[in-house]
Amino acid sequence: MFFSRAKTQPVTAADALTGRTEPLPGIPEVHAVNGNRIQPPFPEGLQTAVFGAGCFWGVEKVFWETPGVYSTAAGYAGGHTPNPTYEEVCSARTGHTEAVLVVFDPAILSYDRLLKEFWEEHDPTQGMRQGNDIGTQYRSAVYTQGPDQEAAAKVSRDLFQERLTAAGYGDITTEIAPLGDFFYAEGYHQQYLYKVPGGYCPVNSTGVSCPVGLPGV
């Protein structure tokens, strides 16, 4: 019980692990499913978005299957420790959540539509958890890049809150904050559910539809 409580308490920058100056070794440059780059440089005109919605294995799969997405990558965001390992993130002593980098073509797929996928694929009312996965690394988060993404994220949150409230859910606990550093996770985490199709990583959807990104919204 004590361990579970400790894992749900955000760590301060002063108490976070030191980390390392160099990126983790063995991170691939290309996507195992479609062969596109998961690390910069990306083709001109593409944009990026970063989301945390629980275990990044399942979240990444949802996004790589979304039309208009060029590539995806599993990683860590929203924390203090530079270049953390998975074990360090799991200790709740880095401040990171498991996150997914989404590289998308805005001519095909709008940021609003990505937000719709994000809200609908998990339960954003659960605080420091998703289903049976408990800890700060599983918190819901949207890490924005610029004022347009920030405004869109907050509008979509408010619209989805109305739908969730009507369906009997509580308040959204999703962190919406500017993106600091996105650190790529170890190579074996990248496109994990493609490499291990039967791997455990449930998507904890509420079944409630988010209206953002629909015609006229």
N, C-alpha and C. Protein backbone atom coordinates (compact mmCIF):
# COMPACT_ATOMS: atom_id res chain seq x y z
N MET A 1 0.83 -1.20 0.00
CA MET A 1 0.00 0.00 0.00
C MET A 1 0.87 1.25 0.00
N PHE A 2 1.94 1.28 0.83
CA PHE A 2 2.83 2.43 0.88
C PHE A 2 3.49 2.66 -0.47
N PHE A 3 3.91 1.55 -1.11
CA PHE A 3 4.58 1.67 -2.40
C PHE A 3 3.64 2.27 -3.43
N SER A 4 2.36 1.85 -3.42
CA SER A 4 1.39 2.37 -4.38
C SER A 4 1.18 3.86 -4.18
N ARG A 5 1.09 4.31 -2.94
CA ARG A 5 0.92 5.74 -2.67
C ARG A 5 2.13 6.53 -3.15
N ALA A 6 3.32 6.00 -2.92
CA ALA A 6 4.54 6.68 -3.33
C ALA A 6 4.59 6.84 -4.83
N LYS A 7 4.11 5.87 -5.56
CA LYS A 7 4.17 5.92 -7.02
C LYS A 7 3.16 6.90 -7.61
N THR A 8 2.20 7.35 -6.82
CA THR A 8 1.21 8.29 -7.32
C THR A 8 1.48 9.72 -6.88
N GLN A 9 2.61 9.95 -6.21
CA GLN A 9 2.97 11.28 -5.76
C GLN A 9 4.01 11.88 -6.70
N PRO A 10 3.73 13.01 -7.35
CA PRO A 10 4.71 13.61 -8.25
C PRO A 10 6.00 13.98 -7.52
N VAL A 11 7.12 13.68 -8.13
CA VAL A 11 8.41 13.99 -7.54
C VAL A 11 8.79 15.44 -7.88
N THR A 12 9.49 16.11 -6.99
CA THR A 12 9.97 17.45 -7.27
C THR A 12 11.26 17.38 -8.06
N ALA A 13 11.61 18.49 -8.70
CA ALA A 13 12.86 18.54 -9.45
C ALA A 13 14.05 18.30 -8.54
N ALA A 14 13.98 18.80 -7.31
CA ALA A 14 15.09 18.63 -6.38
C ALA A 14 15.29 17.19 -5.96
N ASP A 15 14.22 16.41 -5.95
CA ASP A 15 14.29 15.02 -5.50
C ASP A 15 14.38 14.02 -6.65
N ALA A 16 14.33 14.50 -7.88
CA ALA A 16 14.34 13.60 -9.04
C ALA A 16 15.72 12.98 -9.23
N LEU A 17 15.74 11.85 -9.93
CA LEU A 17 17.00 11.18 -10.25
C LEU A 17 17.84 12.06 -11.17
N THR A 18 19.14 11.85 -11.12
CA THR A 18 20.07 12.70 -11.87
C THR A 18 20.01 12.46 -13.37
N GLY A 19 19.85 11.19 -13.78
CA GLY A 19 19.80 10.88 -15.20
C GLY A 19 21.17 10.88 -15.84
N ARG A 20 21.21 11.24 -17.14
CA ARG A 20 22.46 11.16 -17.89
C ARG A 20 22.45 12.19 -19.02
N THR A 21 23.62 12.54 -19.50
CA THR A 21 23.71 13.56 -20.54
C THR A 21 23.51 12.99 -21.93
N GLU A 22 23.77 11.70 -22.12
CA GLU A 22 23.68 11.10 -23.44
C GLU A 22 22.36 10.37 -23.63
N PRO A 23 21.79 10.39 -24.84
CA PRO A 23 20.57 9.61 -25.11
C PRO A 23 20.80 8.12 -24.88
N LEU A 24 19.74 7.40 -24.62
CA LEU A 24 19.85 5.96 -24.44
C LEU A 24 20.34 5.32 -25.73
N PRO A 25 21.18 4.30 -25.64
CA PRO A 25 21.69 3.66 -26.86
C PRO A 25 20.65 2.76 -27.51
N GLY A 26 20.84 2.49 -28.80
CA GLY A 26 20.03 1.49 -29.49
C GLY A 26 18.64 1.93 -29.89
N ILE A 27 18.39 3.24 -29.93
CA ILE A 27 17.07 3.73 -30.35
C ILE A 27 17.03 3.77 -31.87
N PRO A 28 16.09 3.07 -32.51
CA PRO A 28 16.05 3.02 -33.98
C PRO A 28 15.68 4.37 -34.57
N GLU A 29 16.04 4.57 -35.83
CA GLU A 29 15.70 5.80 -36.53
C GLU A 29 14.42 5.67 -37.34
N VAL A 30 14.01 4.42 -37.63
CA VAL A 30 12.84 4.23 -38.49
C VAL A 30 11.78 3.39 -37.79
N HIS A 31 10.56 3.56 -38.26
CA HIS A 31 9.38 2.90 -37.71
C HIS A 31 9.32 1.45 -38.18
N ALA A 32 9.12 0.54 -37.23
CA ALA A 32 9.11 -0.89 -37.57
C ALA A 32 7.92 -1.27 -38.44
N VAL A 33 6.84 -0.48 -38.40
CA VAL A 33 5.63 -0.84 -39.15
C VAL A 33 5.66 -0.26 -40.56
N ASN A 34 5.98 1.03 -40.69
CA ASN A 34 5.87 1.66 -42.01
C ASN A 34 7.20 2.12 -42.61
N GLY A 35 8.28 2.00 -41.88
CA GLY A 35 9.59 2.35 -42.41
C GLY A 35 9.89 3.82 -42.45
N ASN A 36 9.00 4.67 -41.96
CA ASN A 36 9.26 6.11 -41.92
C ASN A 36 10.13 6.46 -40.72
N ARG A 37 10.71 7.64 -40.74
CA ARG A 37 11.58 8.08 -39.66
C ARG A 37 10.78 8.35 -38.38
N ILE A 38 11.34 7.91 -37.25
CA ILE A 38 10.74 8.27 -35.96
C ILE A 38 11.57 9.33 -35.25
N GLN A 39 12.77 9.61 -35.77
CA GLN A 39 13.62 10.68 -35.26
C GLN A 39 13.82 11.73 -36.36
N PRO A 40 13.97 13.00 -35.95
CA PRO A 40 14.23 14.03 -36.96
C PRO A 40 15.51 13.71 -37.73
N PRO A 41 15.60 14.24 -38.97
CA PRO A 41 14.66 15.18 -39.60
C PRO A 41 13.46 14.48 -40.21
N PHE A 42 12.31 15.18 -40.19
CA PHE A 42 11.10 14.68 -40.81
C PHE A 42 10.86 15.46 -42.11
N PRO A 43 10.09 14.89 -43.03
CA PRO A 43 9.80 15.61 -44.28
C PRO A 43 9.17 16.97 -44.03
N GLU A 44 9.47 17.91 -44.91
CA GLU A 44 8.95 19.26 -44.79
C GLU A 44 7.42 19.27 -44.80
N GLY A 45 6.84 20.09 -43.94
CA GLY A 45 5.39 20.24 -43.89
C GLY A 45 4.72 19.39 -42.83
N LEU A 46 5.44 18.42 -42.27
CA LEU A 46 4.85 17.60 -41.22
C LEU A 46 4.94 18.31 -39.87
N GLN A 47 4.03 17.95 -38.96
CA GLN A 47 4.02 18.52 -37.63
C GLN A 47 4.08 17.41 -36.59
N THR A 48 4.32 17.77 -35.34
CA THR A 48 4.40 16.78 -34.28
C THR A 48 3.46 17.12 -33.14
N ALA A 49 3.06 16.09 -32.41
CA ALA A 49 2.22 16.23 -31.23
C ALA A 49 2.69 15.19 -30.23
N VAL A 50 2.49 15.46 -28.94
CA VAL A 50 2.91 14.53 -27.89
C VAL A 50 1.77 14.33 -26.91
N PHE A 51 1.44 13.06 -26.67
CA PHE A 51 0.33 12.70 -25.78
C PHE A 51 0.76 11.61 -24.80
N GLY A 52 0.18 11.67 -23.60
CA GLY A 52 0.31 10.59 -22.63
C GLY A 52 -1.07 10.09 -22.27
N ALA A 53 -1.30 8.79 -22.42
CA ALA A 53 -2.64 8.24 -22.16
C ALA A 53 -2.55 6.85 -21.54
N GLY A 54 -1.58 6.66 -20.67
CA GLY A 54 -1.38 5.35 -20.08
C GLY A 54 -0.23 4.63 -20.77
N CYS A 55 -0.21 3.31 -20.67
CA CYS A 55 0.86 2.49 -21.24
C CYS A 55 1.11 2.88 -22.70
N PHE A 56 2.33 3.27 -23.02
CA PHE A 56 2.57 3.82 -24.35
C PHE A 56 2.52 2.78 -25.46
N TRP A 57 2.59 1.51 -25.15
CA TRP A 57 2.50 0.48 -26.20
C TRP A 57 1.17 0.58 -26.95
N GLY A 58 0.07 0.56 -26.19
CA GLY A 58 -1.24 0.59 -26.82
C GLY A 58 -1.57 1.94 -27.42
N VAL A 59 -1.14 3.01 -26.75
CA VAL A 59 -1.40 4.36 -27.26
C VAL A 59 -0.70 4.56 -28.60
N GLU A 60 0.54 4.11 -28.69
CA GLU A 60 1.27 4.26 -29.94
C GLU A 60 0.57 3.53 -31.08
N LYS A 61 0.07 2.33 -30.82
CA LYS A 61 -0.60 1.55 -31.86
C LYS A 61 -1.84 2.27 -32.38
N VAL A 62 -2.62 2.88 -31.48
CA VAL A 62 -3.80 3.63 -31.91
C VAL A 62 -3.39 4.72 -32.90
N PHE A 63 -2.32 5.43 -32.60
CA PHE A 63 -1.92 6.54 -33.46
C PHE A 63 -1.28 6.09 -34.75
N TRP A 64 -0.45 5.02 -34.74
CA TRP A 64 0.16 4.63 -36.01
C TRP A 64 -0.87 4.08 -36.99
N GLU A 65 -2.03 3.66 -36.46
CA GLU A 65 -3.10 3.16 -37.33
C GLU A 65 -4.02 4.28 -37.81
N THR A 66 -3.78 5.52 -37.36
CA THR A 66 -4.63 6.64 -37.74
C THR A 66 -4.19 7.21 -39.08
N PRO A 67 -5.07 7.27 -40.08
CA PRO A 67 -4.71 7.84 -41.39
C PRO A 67 -4.20 9.27 -41.26
N GLY A 68 -3.11 9.58 -41.95
CA GLY A 68 -2.51 10.90 -41.88
C GLY A 68 -1.33 10.98 -40.93
N VAL A 69 -1.12 9.91 -40.13
CA VAL A 69 0.03 9.86 -39.24
C VAL A 69 1.22 9.29 -40.01
N TYR A 70 2.32 10.02 -40.02
CA TYR A 70 3.53 9.61 -40.72
C TYR A 70 4.32 8.59 -39.91
N SER A 71 4.49 8.86 -38.62
CA SER A 71 5.19 7.93 -37.76
C SER A 71 4.86 8.22 -36.31
N THR A 72 5.27 7.31 -35.44
CA THR A 72 5.05 7.45 -33.99
C THR A 72 6.28 6.93 -33.26
N ALA A 73 6.43 7.34 -32.01
CA ALA A 73 7.52 6.84 -31.19
C ALA A 73 7.11 6.86 -29.73
N ALA A 74 7.54 5.86 -29.00
CA ALA A 74 7.30 5.79 -27.56
C ALA A 74 8.41 6.53 -26.83
N GLY A 75 8.03 7.24 -25.76
CA GLY A 75 9.05 7.97 -25.02
C GLY A 75 8.55 8.46 -23.68
N TYR A 76 9.27 9.41 -23.14
CA TYR A 76 8.98 9.94 -21.82
C TYR A 76 8.94 11.47 -21.89
N ALA A 77 7.95 12.07 -21.24
CA ALA A 77 7.80 13.53 -21.28
C ALA A 77 7.22 14.03 -19.96
N GLY A 78 7.38 15.32 -19.73
CA GLY A 78 6.78 15.95 -18.57
C GLY A 78 7.53 15.78 -17.27
N GLY A 79 8.78 15.33 -17.34
CA GLY A 79 9.53 15.08 -16.11
C GLY A 79 10.76 15.94 -15.95
N HIS A 80 11.63 15.52 -15.05
CA HIS A 80 12.81 16.29 -14.68
C HIS A 80 14.13 15.61 -15.07
N THR A 81 14.17 14.30 -15.06
CA THR A 81 15.41 13.55 -15.26
C THR A 81 15.78 13.46 -16.73
N PRO A 82 16.95 13.91 -17.14
CA PRO A 82 17.33 13.81 -18.55
C PRO A 82 17.65 12.37 -18.96
N ASN A 83 17.16 12.00 -20.13
CA ASN A 83 17.43 10.69 -20.73
C ASN A 83 17.18 9.54 -19.74
N PRO A 84 15.96 9.46 -19.20
CA PRO A 84 15.68 8.42 -18.21
C PRO A 84 15.53 7.04 -18.85
N THR A 85 15.77 6.01 -18.06
CA THR A 85 15.49 4.65 -18.49
C THR A 85 14.06 4.29 -18.09
N TYR A 86 13.55 3.22 -18.66
CA TYR A 86 12.21 2.76 -18.32
C TYR A 86 12.11 2.43 -16.83
N GLU A 87 13.12 1.77 -16.30
CA GLU A 87 13.10 1.40 -14.88
C GLU A 87 13.07 2.65 -14.00
N GLU A 88 13.80 3.69 -14.41
CA GLU A 88 13.79 4.93 -13.63
C GLU A 88 12.42 5.60 -13.69
N VAL A 89 11.81 5.62 -14.85
CA VAL A 89 10.47 6.21 -14.97
C VAL A 89 9.47 5.43 -14.11
N CYS A 90 9.59 4.11 -14.13
CA CYS A 90 8.69 3.27 -13.33
C CYS A 90 8.85 3.49 -11.83
N SER A 91 9.98 4.00 -11.41
CA SER A 91 10.21 4.25 -9.99
C SER A 91 9.45 5.47 -9.49
N ALA A 92 8.88 6.25 -10.41
CA ALA A 92 8.18 7.50 -10.08
C ALA A 92 9.13 8.56 -9.54
N ARG A 93 10.42 8.43 -9.86
CA ARG A 93 11.41 9.38 -9.35
C ARG A 93 12.02 10.22 -10.48
N THR A 94 11.39 10.23 -11.64
CA THR A 94 11.86 11.09 -12.74
C THR A 94 10.83 12.16 -13.08
N GLY A 95 9.58 11.93 -12.73
CA GLY A 95 8.51 12.88 -13.03
C GLY A 95 7.87 12.71 -14.39
N HIS A 96 8.35 11.75 -15.18
CA HIS A 96 7.83 11.59 -16.53
C HIS A 96 6.56 10.74 -16.57
N THR A 97 5.80 10.96 -17.63
CA THR A 97 4.74 10.04 -17.98
C THR A 97 5.12 9.33 -19.27
N GLU A 98 4.61 8.13 -19.47
CA GLU A 98 4.84 7.44 -20.73
C GLU A 98 4.10 8.22 -21.82
N ALA A 99 4.82 8.60 -22.85
CA ALA A 99 4.26 9.49 -23.87
C ALA A 99 4.50 8.94 -25.27
N VAL A 100 3.73 9.44 -26.20
CA VAL A 100 3.88 9.06 -27.60
C VAL A 100 4.06 10.30 -28.45
N LEU A 101 5.11 10.29 -29.25
CA LEU A 101 5.34 11.33 -30.24
C LEU A 101 4.60 10.94 -31.51
N VAL A 102 3.78 11.84 -32.02
CA VAL A 102 3.02 11.59 -33.24
C VAL A 102 3.48 12.59 -34.30
N VAL A 103 3.96 12.07 -35.42
CA VAL A 103 4.36 12.92 -36.55
C VAL A 103 3.25 12.80 -37.59
N PHE A 104 2.64 13.92 -37.95
CA PHE A 104 1.45 13.85 -38.79
C PHE A 104 1.48 14.88 -39.90
N ASP A 105 0.68 14.63 -40.91
CA ASP A 105 0.55 15.53 -42.06
C ASP A 105 -0.70 16.37 -41.88
N PRO A 106 -0.57 17.66 -41.56
CA PRO A 106 -1.76 18.48 -41.31
C PRO A 106 -2.64 18.68 -42.54
N ALA A 107 -2.12 18.36 -43.72
CA ALA A 107 -2.95 18.45 -44.93
C ALA A 107 -3.95 17.30 -44.98
N ILE A 108 -3.69 16.24 -44.22
CA ILE A 108 -4.57 15.07 -44.19
C ILE A 108 -5.30 14.94 -42.85
N LEU A 109 -4.60 15.27 -41.80
CA LEU A 109 -5.09 15.02 -40.44
C LEU A 109 -4.86 16.25 -39.59
N SER A 110 -5.93 16.82 -39.06
CA SER A 110 -5.79 18.02 -38.24
C SER A 110 -5.38 17.66 -36.80
N TYR A 111 -4.84 18.64 -36.11
CA TYR A 111 -4.50 18.45 -34.69
C TYR A 111 -5.77 18.17 -33.89
N ASP A 112 -6.88 18.80 -34.25
CA ASP A 112 -8.14 18.54 -33.56
C ASP A 112 -8.55 17.07 -33.67
N ARG A 113 -8.33 16.48 -34.83
CA ARG A 113 -8.68 15.06 -35.00
C ARG A 113 -7.76 14.18 -34.15
N LEU A 114 -6.50 14.57 -34.02
CA LEU A 114 -5.61 13.84 -33.13
C LEU A 114 -6.09 13.92 -31.69
N LEU A 115 -6.55 15.11 -31.30
CA LEU A 115 -7.09 15.26 -29.95
C LEU A 115 -8.31 14.37 -29.74
N LYS A 116 -9.15 14.27 -30.73
CA LYS A 116 -10.31 13.37 -30.63
C LYS A 116 -9.87 11.93 -30.37
N GLU A 117 -8.87 11.47 -31.13
CA GLU A 117 -8.34 10.12 -30.91
C GLU A 117 -7.80 9.98 -29.49
N PHE A 118 -7.06 10.99 -29.05
CA PHE A 118 -6.47 10.97 -27.72
C PHE A 118 -7.54 10.84 -26.63
N TRP A 119 -8.54 11.71 -26.65
CA TRP A 119 -9.55 11.69 -25.60
C TRP A 119 -10.34 10.39 -25.59
N GLU A 120 -10.61 9.85 -26.78
CA GLU A 120 -11.48 8.68 -26.86
C GLU A 120 -10.76 7.37 -26.56
N GLU A 121 -9.44 7.37 -26.57
CA GLU A 121 -8.73 6.09 -26.41
C GLU A 121 -8.40 5.77 -24.95
N HIS A 122 -8.70 6.69 -24.02
CA HIS A 122 -8.39 6.41 -22.62
C HIS A 122 -9.40 7.11 -21.72
N ASP A 123 -9.27 6.90 -20.42
CA ASP A 123 -10.14 7.56 -19.43
C ASP A 123 -9.34 8.68 -18.78
N PRO A 124 -9.59 9.94 -19.16
CA PRO A 124 -8.78 11.04 -18.64
C PRO A 124 -9.20 11.53 -17.26
N THR A 125 -10.06 10.77 -16.57
CA THR A 125 -10.54 11.19 -15.25
C THR A 125 -9.88 10.41 -14.11
N GLN A 126 -8.88 9.59 -14.41
CA GLN A 126 -8.38 8.65 -13.41
C GLN A 126 -7.16 9.12 -12.63
N GLY A 127 -6.68 10.31 -12.89
CA GLY A 127 -5.53 10.79 -12.13
C GLY A 127 -4.25 10.05 -12.50
N MET A 128 -3.55 9.55 -11.50
CA MET A 128 -2.25 8.90 -11.72
C MET A 128 -2.43 7.40 -12.01
N ARG A 129 -3.25 7.12 -13.02
CA ARG A 129 -3.47 5.70 -13.36
C ARG A 129 -4.22 5.60 -14.67
N GLN A 130 -4.20 4.38 -15.23
CA GLN A 130 -5.11 3.98 -16.28
C GLN A 130 -5.45 2.52 -16.00
N GLY A 131 -6.70 2.29 -15.60
CA GLY A 131 -7.10 0.92 -15.27
C GLY A 131 -6.28 0.37 -14.13
N ASN A 132 -5.69 -0.81 -14.35
CA ASN A 132 -4.87 -1.45 -13.31
C ASN A 132 -3.44 -0.93 -13.28
N ASP A 133 -3.07 -0.07 -14.22
CA ASP A 133 -1.73 0.51 -14.25
C ASP A 133 -1.74 1.77 -13.38
N ILE A 134 -0.98 1.73 -12.27
CA ILE A 134 -1.02 2.80 -11.29
C ILE A 134 0.35 3.44 -11.15
N GLY A 135 0.38 4.77 -11.17
CA GLY A 135 1.62 5.50 -10.99
C GLY A 135 1.65 6.77 -11.81
N THR A 136 2.57 7.67 -11.48
CA THR A 136 2.67 8.94 -12.19
C THR A 136 2.99 8.74 -13.67
N GLN A 137 3.62 7.65 -14.02
CA GLN A 137 3.99 7.41 -15.42
C GLN A 137 2.78 7.11 -16.30
N TYR A 138 1.62 6.86 -15.69
CA TYR A 138 0.41 6.54 -16.45
C TYR A 138 -0.57 7.70 -16.49
N ARG A 139 -0.16 8.87 -16.04
CA ARG A 139 -1.10 9.98 -16.02
C ARG A 139 -1.40 10.47 -17.44
N SER A 140 -2.58 11.04 -17.60
CA SER A 140 -3.01 11.59 -18.88
C SER A 140 -2.37 12.95 -19.09
N ALA A 141 -1.88 13.21 -20.31
CA ALA A 141 -1.20 14.47 -20.57
C ALA A 141 -1.25 14.84 -22.04
N VAL A 142 -1.34 16.15 -22.28
CA VAL A 142 -1.15 16.72 -23.62
C VAL A 142 -0.03 17.73 -23.49
N TYR A 143 1.07 17.47 -24.19
CA TYR A 143 2.20 18.40 -24.15
C TYR A 143 2.21 19.19 -25.45
N THR A 144 1.97 20.48 -25.32
CA THR A 144 1.68 21.32 -26.47
C THR A 144 2.94 22.01 -27.00
N GLN A 145 2.88 22.34 -28.28
CA GLN A 145 3.97 23.05 -28.95
C GLN A 145 3.38 24.31 -29.59
N GLY A 146 3.36 25.39 -28.83
CA GLY A 146 2.85 26.65 -29.33
C GLY A 146 1.43 26.94 -28.85
N PRO A 147 1.01 28.20 -28.97
CA PRO A 147 -0.30 28.62 -28.47
C PRO A 147 -1.48 27.99 -29.18
N ASP A 148 -1.33 27.65 -30.46
CA ASP A 148 -2.45 27.05 -31.19
C ASP A 148 -2.77 25.66 -30.63
N GLN A 149 -1.75 24.85 -30.40
CA GLN A 149 -1.99 23.53 -29.82
C GLN A 149 -2.54 23.65 -28.40
N GLU A 150 -2.02 24.59 -27.63
CA GLU A 150 -2.51 24.76 -26.26
C GLU A 150 -3.99 25.15 -26.25
N ALA A 151 -4.36 26.09 -27.10
CA ALA A 151 -5.76 26.52 -27.15
C ALA A 151 -6.66 25.39 -27.60
N ALA A 152 -6.24 24.65 -28.62
CA ALA A 152 -7.04 23.54 -29.14
C ALA A 152 -7.21 22.46 -28.07
N ALA A 153 -6.14 22.17 -27.33
CA ALA A 153 -6.22 21.14 -26.30
C ALA A 153 -7.21 21.53 -25.20
N LYS A 154 -7.20 22.79 -24.80
CA LYS A 154 -8.09 23.22 -23.73
C LYS A 154 -9.54 23.28 -24.18
N VAL A 155 -9.78 23.70 -25.42
CA VAL A 155 -11.15 23.69 -25.95
C VAL A 155 -11.67 22.27 -26.02
N SER A 156 -10.84 21.35 -26.52
CA SER A 156 -11.28 19.96 -26.65
C SER A 156 -11.54 19.34 -25.28
N ARG A 157 -10.70 19.68 -24.30
CA ARG A 157 -10.93 19.18 -22.93
C ARG A 157 -12.28 19.61 -22.41
N ASP A 158 -12.61 20.88 -22.59
CA ASP A 158 -13.87 21.39 -22.07
C ASP A 158 -15.07 20.76 -22.78
N LEU A 159 -14.95 20.58 -24.09
CA LEU A 159 -16.03 19.93 -24.83
C LEU A 159 -16.21 18.48 -24.39
N PHE A 160 -15.10 17.79 -24.20
CA PHE A 160 -15.20 16.38 -23.79
C PHE A 160 -15.70 16.26 -22.36
N GLN A 161 -15.35 17.23 -21.51
CA GLN A 161 -15.84 17.19 -20.13
C GLN A 161 -17.36 17.21 -20.09
N GLU A 162 -17.96 17.98 -20.96
CA GLU A 162 -19.43 18.03 -21.00
C GLU A 162 -20.00 16.65 -21.32
N ARG A 163 -19.39 15.97 -22.28
CA ARG A 163 -19.86 14.63 -22.65
C ARG A 163 -19.62 13.63 -21.51
N LEU A 164 -18.44 13.71 -20.88
CA LEU A 164 -18.12 12.80 -19.78
C LEU A 164 -19.05 13.00 -18.59
N THR A 165 -19.32 14.26 -18.27
CA THR A 165 -20.21 14.55 -17.14
C THR A 165 -21.60 13.99 -17.41
N ALA A 166 -22.07 14.15 -18.62
CA ALA A 166 -23.39 13.61 -18.97
C ALA A 166 -23.41 12.09 -18.88
N ALA A 167 -22.26 11.46 -19.06
CA ALA A 167 -22.18 10.00 -19.01
C ALA A 167 -21.87 9.49 -17.61
N GLY A 168 -21.74 10.39 -16.64
CA GLY A 168 -21.54 9.98 -15.26
C GLY A 168 -20.10 9.91 -14.79
N TYR A 169 -19.18 10.43 -15.59
CA TYR A 169 -17.77 10.43 -15.20
C TYR A 169 -17.44 11.70 -14.41
N GLY A 170 -16.30 11.66 -13.72
CA GLY A 170 -15.85 12.80 -12.93
C GLY A 170 -15.07 13.80 -13.76
N ASP A 171 -14.29 14.62 -13.06
CA ASP A 171 -13.54 15.68 -13.73
C ASP A 171 -12.31 15.14 -14.45
N ILE A 172 -12.00 15.73 -15.57
CA ILE A 172 -10.79 15.40 -16.31
C ILE A 172 -9.57 15.85 -15.51
N THR A 173 -8.59 14.97 -15.38
CA THR A 173 -7.36 15.26 -14.63
C THR A 173 -6.16 15.44 -15.56
N THR A 174 -6.39 15.48 -16.84
CA THR A 174 -5.31 15.56 -17.83
C THR A 174 -4.44 16.79 -17.63
N GLU A 175 -3.14 16.57 -17.64
CA GLU A 175 -2.17 17.65 -17.60
C GLU A 175 -2.02 18.24 -19.00
N ILE A 176 -2.24 19.54 -19.13
CA ILE A 176 -1.99 20.24 -20.39
C ILE A 176 -0.90 21.25 -20.12
N ALA A 177 0.26 21.05 -20.75
CA ALA A 177 1.42 21.89 -20.45
C ALA A 177 2.32 21.97 -21.68
N PRO A 178 3.14 23.02 -21.76
CA PRO A 178 4.09 23.10 -22.87
C PRO A 178 5.06 21.93 -22.85
N LEU A 179 5.38 21.44 -24.02
CA LEU A 179 6.34 20.34 -24.13
C LEU A 179 7.73 20.84 -23.79
N GLY A 180 8.36 20.16 -22.86
CA GLY A 180 9.77 20.42 -22.60
C GLY A 180 10.60 19.50 -23.50
N ASP A 181 11.26 18.54 -22.88
CA ASP A 181 12.02 17.55 -23.65
C ASP A 181 11.21 16.27 -23.82
N PHE A 182 11.26 15.71 -25.02
CA PHE A 182 10.73 14.37 -25.27
C PHE A 182 11.92 13.45 -25.40
N PHE A 183 11.98 12.45 -24.53
CA PHE A 183 13.08 11.48 -24.56
C PHE A 183 12.57 10.16 -25.14
N TYR A 184 13.24 9.67 -26.16
CA TYR A 184 12.84 8.40 -26.77
C TYR A 184 13.07 7.25 -25.79
N ALA A 185 12.08 6.36 -25.74
CA ALA A 185 12.22 5.16 -24.93
C ALA A 185 13.15 4.16 -25.60
N GLU A 186 13.56 3.17 -24.86
CA GLU A 186 14.45 2.13 -25.36
C GLU A 186 13.89 1.49 -26.62
N GLY A 187 14.79 0.95 -27.44
CA GLY A 187 14.40 0.39 -28.73
C GLY A 187 13.32 -0.67 -28.64
N TYR A 188 13.35 -1.50 -27.60
CA TYR A 188 12.36 -2.59 -27.53
C TYR A 188 10.95 -2.08 -27.28
N HIS A 189 10.82 -0.83 -26.79
CA HIS A 189 9.49 -0.26 -26.58
C HIS A 189 8.88 0.28 -27.88
N GLN A 190 9.70 0.59 -28.86
CA GLN A 190 9.20 1.20 -30.09
C GLN A 190 8.36 0.21 -30.88
N GLN A 191 7.10 0.60 -31.16
CA GLN A 191 6.17 -0.24 -31.92
C GLN A 191 6.06 -1.64 -31.30
N TYR A 192 6.00 -1.66 -29.98
CA TYR A 192 6.05 -2.92 -29.23
C TYR A 192 4.94 -3.89 -29.64
N LEU A 193 3.73 -3.38 -29.80
CA LEU A 193 2.62 -4.29 -30.09
C LEU A 193 2.63 -4.80 -31.53
N TYR A 194 3.46 -4.23 -32.37
CA TYR A 194 3.72 -4.81 -33.69
C TYR A 194 4.69 -5.96 -33.56
N LYS A 195 5.70 -5.80 -32.72
CA LYS A 195 6.70 -6.83 -32.50
C LYS A 195 6.16 -7.97 -31.64
N VAL A 196 5.30 -7.62 -30.69
CA VAL A 196 4.70 -8.61 -29.77
C VAL A 196 3.19 -8.41 -29.81
N PRO A 197 2.52 -8.96 -30.82
CA PRO A 197 1.09 -8.69 -31.03
C PRO A 197 0.21 -9.03 -29.83
N GLY A 198 0.62 -10.00 -29.02
CA GLY A 198 -0.19 -10.39 -27.88
C GLY A 198 0.22 -9.70 -26.60
N GLY A 199 1.05 -8.68 -26.69
CA GLY A 199 1.55 -8.00 -25.50
C GLY A 199 0.45 -7.31 -24.73
N TYR A 200 0.62 -7.26 -23.40
CA TYR A 200 -0.38 -6.62 -22.54
C TYR A 200 -0.23 -5.11 -22.60
N CYS A 201 -1.28 -4.43 -22.93
CA CYS A 201 -1.33 -2.96 -22.84
C CYS A 201 -2.72 -2.52 -23.24
N PRO A 202 -3.69 -2.61 -22.32
CA PRO A 202 -5.06 -2.28 -22.67
C PRO A 202 -5.27 -0.81 -22.92
N VAL A 203 -6.18 -0.48 -23.83
CA VAL A 203 -6.63 0.88 -24.05
C VAL A 203 -7.89 1.07 -23.21
N ASN A 204 -7.84 1.97 -22.25
CA ASN A 204 -8.92 2.13 -21.27
C ASN A 204 -9.94 3.17 -21.70
N SER A 205 -10.60 2.92 -22.81
CA SER A 205 -11.56 3.87 -23.35
C SER A 205 -12.82 3.95 -22.50
N THR A 206 -13.40 5.14 -22.42
CA THR A 206 -14.68 5.32 -21.72
C THR A 206 -15.86 4.95 -22.60
N GLY A 207 -15.65 4.91 -23.91
CA GLY A 207 -16.75 4.69 -24.83
C GLY A 207 -17.55 5.95 -25.12
N VAL A 208 -17.10 7.08 -24.57
CA VAL A 208 -17.78 8.36 -24.79
C VAL A 208 -17.14 9.06 -25.99
N SER A 209 -17.96 9.59 -26.88
CA SER A 209 -17.46 10.26 -28.09
C SER A 209 -17.09 11.71 -27.80
N CYS A 210 -15.95 12.13 -28.32
CA CYS A 210 -15.52 13.52 -28.18
C CYS A 210 -15.91 14.27 -29.45
N PRO A 211 -16.62 15.39 -29.33
CA PRO A 211 -17.12 16.08 -30.53
C PRO A 211 -16.06 16.88 -31.28
N VAL A 212 -14.90 17.13 -30.68
CA VAL A 212 -13.91 17.96 -31.33
C VAL A 212 -13.42 17.31 -32.62
N GLY A 213 -13.19 18.14 -33.64
CA GLY A 213 -12.69 17.60 -34.90
C GLY A 213 -13.78 17.14 -35.84
N LEU A 214 -15.03 17.15 -35.39
CA LEU A 214 -16.14 16.78 -36.25
C LEU A 214 -16.56 17.99 -37.09
N PRO A 215 -17.21 17.77 -38.22
CA PRO A 215 -17.65 18.92 -39.03
C PRO A 215 -18.51 19.88 -38.22
N GLY A 216 -18.18 21.16 -38.29
CA GLY A 216 -18.95 22.18 -37.60
C GLY A 216 -18.55 22.40 -36.17
N VAL A 217 -17.53 21.67 -35.68
CA VAL A 217 -17.09 21.84 -34.29
C VAL A 217 -15.69 22.43 -34.27
